[in-house]
Amino acid sequence: MARSLDGLVFVPVADQAPGQVGRRTRFEYHEHDGVVWADYRGGEVVKGHLIGTREDDTVDFRYVQLRLDGTTASGHCTSLVTVLADGRLRLEESWSWESQKGCGTSSVEQPLD
């Protein structure tokens, strides 16, 4: 199992569609006893929260966010925690909106800086 997500910052590897998470979004993760949560903001997202559980290297969570245009959105995501060659962590995500139509995949990883 990869190390704890507690206290780690993650950034998207690529931009998603407008109104969604993008490269300027920053996630601040926490983890304790199998519970994972994070706050995020940046780009099109004014404020977002996620909460869920971790079993081995799989994180399963729900998320909710407020966008710049004043709309809210929520969904479900399952992430696989992987270790990059340089030791940083990456989350390979499969997500689906629950408040609107749409689903996809994305990746977030610890920034180089």
Protein backbone atom coordinates (compact mmCIF):
# COMPACT_ATOMS: atom_id res chain seq x y z
CA MET A 1 0.00 0.00 0.00
CA ALA A 2 1.26 3.49 -0.92
CA ARG A 3 1.93 5.94 1.91
CA SER A 4 -0.73 8.06 3.58
CA LEU A 5 -2.40 10.94 1.74
CA ASP A 6 -2.50 12.98 4.95
CA GLY A 7 -1.15 16.50 4.47
CA LEU A 8 -0.42 16.03 0.76
CA VAL A 9 -1.31 18.50 -1.99
CA PHE A 10 -2.37 17.23 -5.43
CA VAL A 11 -2.85 19.05 -8.74
CA PRO A 12 -4.56 17.86 -11.93
CA VAL A 13 -2.31 16.57 -14.69
CA ALA A 14 -4.58 18.13 -17.36
CA ASP A 15 -7.58 20.47 -17.63
CA GLN A 16 -11.05 18.97 -17.78
CA ALA A 17 -14.09 20.49 -19.51
CA PRO A 18 -15.16 24.09 -18.64
CA GLY A 19 -16.72 24.40 -15.18
CA GLN A 20 -14.73 21.48 -13.85
CA VAL A 21 -11.43 20.91 -12.11
CA GLY A 22 -8.41 22.22 -14.02
CA ARG A 23 -4.64 22.60 -13.72
CA ARG A 24 -5.07 25.61 -11.39
CA THR A 25 -7.10 23.55 -8.90
CA ARG A 26 -5.30 22.48 -5.71
CA PHE A 27 -6.45 19.60 -3.49
CA GLU A 28 -5.35 19.44 0.16
CA TYR A 29 -5.79 15.84 1.35
CA HIS A 30 -6.17 14.36 4.82
CA GLU A 31 -6.35 10.73 5.90
CA HIS A 32 -6.93 9.02 9.23
CA ASP A 33 -7.92 5.41 10.00
CA GLY A 34 -9.22 4.72 6.49
CA VAL A 35 -11.16 8.00 6.20
CA VAL A 36 -10.04 10.39 3.46
CA TRP A 37 -11.15 13.99 2.97
CA ALA A 38 -9.94 17.04 1.07
CA ASP A 39 -10.70 20.66 0.37
CA TYR A 40 -10.05 22.03 -3.09
CA ARG A 41 -10.24 25.31 -4.99
CA GLY A 42 -8.83 27.08 -7.98
CA GLY A 43 -9.64 27.64 -11.65
CA GLU A 44 -13.40 27.26 -12.16
CA VAL A 45 -13.91 25.93 -8.61
CA VAL A 46 -14.52 28.48 -5.83
CA LYS A 47 -14.66 25.80 -3.13
CA GLY A 48 -14.95 22.04 -3.12
CA HIS A 49 -14.97 19.22 -0.61
CA LEU A 50 -14.60 15.48 -0.89
CA ILE A 51 -14.99 12.72 1.68
CA GLY A 52 -14.70 8.97 1.52
CA THR A 53 -12.78 5.89 2.51
CA ARG A 54 -9.56 4.15 1.57
CA GLU A 55 -8.99 0.41 1.37
CA ASP A 56 -5.42 -0.50 0.40
CA ASP A 57 -4.66 1.68 -2.65
CA THR A 58 -8.28 2.45 -3.60
CA VAL A 59 -10.01 5.63 -2.46
CA ASP A 60 -13.80 5.86 -2.88
CA PHE A 61 -15.39 9.25 -2.26
CA ARG A 62 -18.17 11.72 -2.99
CA TYR A 63 -17.43 15.33 -3.93
CA VAL A 64 -19.35 18.60 -4.03
CA GLN A 65 -18.22 21.95 -5.42
CA LEU A 66 -19.26 25.55 -5.97
CA ARG A 67 -18.25 27.00 -9.34
CA LEU A 68 -17.38 30.56 -10.35
CA ASP A 69 -20.73 30.89 -12.12
CA GLY A 70 -22.56 30.21 -8.83
CA THR A 71 -23.71 26.69 -9.70
CA THR A 72 -23.06 23.63 -7.58
CA ALA A 73 -22.21 20.12 -8.69
CA SER A 74 -21.67 16.76 -6.99
CA GLY A 75 -20.48 13.32 -7.90
CA HIS A 76 -18.71 10.08 -7.08
CA CYS A 77 -15.10 9.09 -7.71
CA THR A 78 -12.92 6.03 -7.29
CA SER A 79 -9.16 6.62 -7.31
CA LEU A 80 -6.20 4.27 -7.47
CA VAL A 81 -3.18 5.52 -5.52
CA THR A 82 0.05 4.92 -7.46
CA VAL A 83 3.68 5.85 -6.87
CA LEU A 84 5.53 7.68 -9.66
CA ALA A 85 9.14 6.82 -10.52
CA ASP A 86 10.36 9.88 -8.58
CA GLY A 87 8.43 8.86 -5.43
CA ARG A 88 5.53 11.32 -5.76
CA LEU A 89 2.00 9.96 -5.51
CA ARG A 90 -0.59 10.05 -8.28
CA LEU A 91 -4.32 9.34 -8.10
CA GLU A 92 -5.82 7.72 -11.21
CA GLU A 93 -9.49 8.72 -11.05
CA SER A 94 -12.73 7.37 -12.51
CA TRP A 95 -15.55 9.80 -11.78
CA SER A 96 -19.20 10.41 -12.56
CA TRP A 97 -21.43 13.36 -11.90
CA GLU A 98 -24.51 12.71 -9.77
CA SER A 99 -25.97 16.22 -10.15
CA GLN A 100 -25.73 16.24 -13.96
CA LYS A 101 -24.87 13.98 -16.87
CA GLY A 102 -21.29 12.97 -17.50
CA CYS A 103 -18.42 10.76 -16.44
CA GLY A 104 -14.74 10.36 -17.21
CA THR A 105 -11.23 9.72 -16.03
CA SER A 106 -8.52 12.07 -14.79
CA SER A 107 -5.27 12.10 -12.84
CA VAL A 108 -3.97 14.27 -10.02
CA GLU A 109 -0.47 14.10 -8.63
CA GLN A 110 1.80 15.77 -6.13
CA PRO A 111 3.35 18.88 -7.71
CA LEU A 112 7.08 19.01 -8.38
CA ASP A 113 7.57 22.19 -6.32
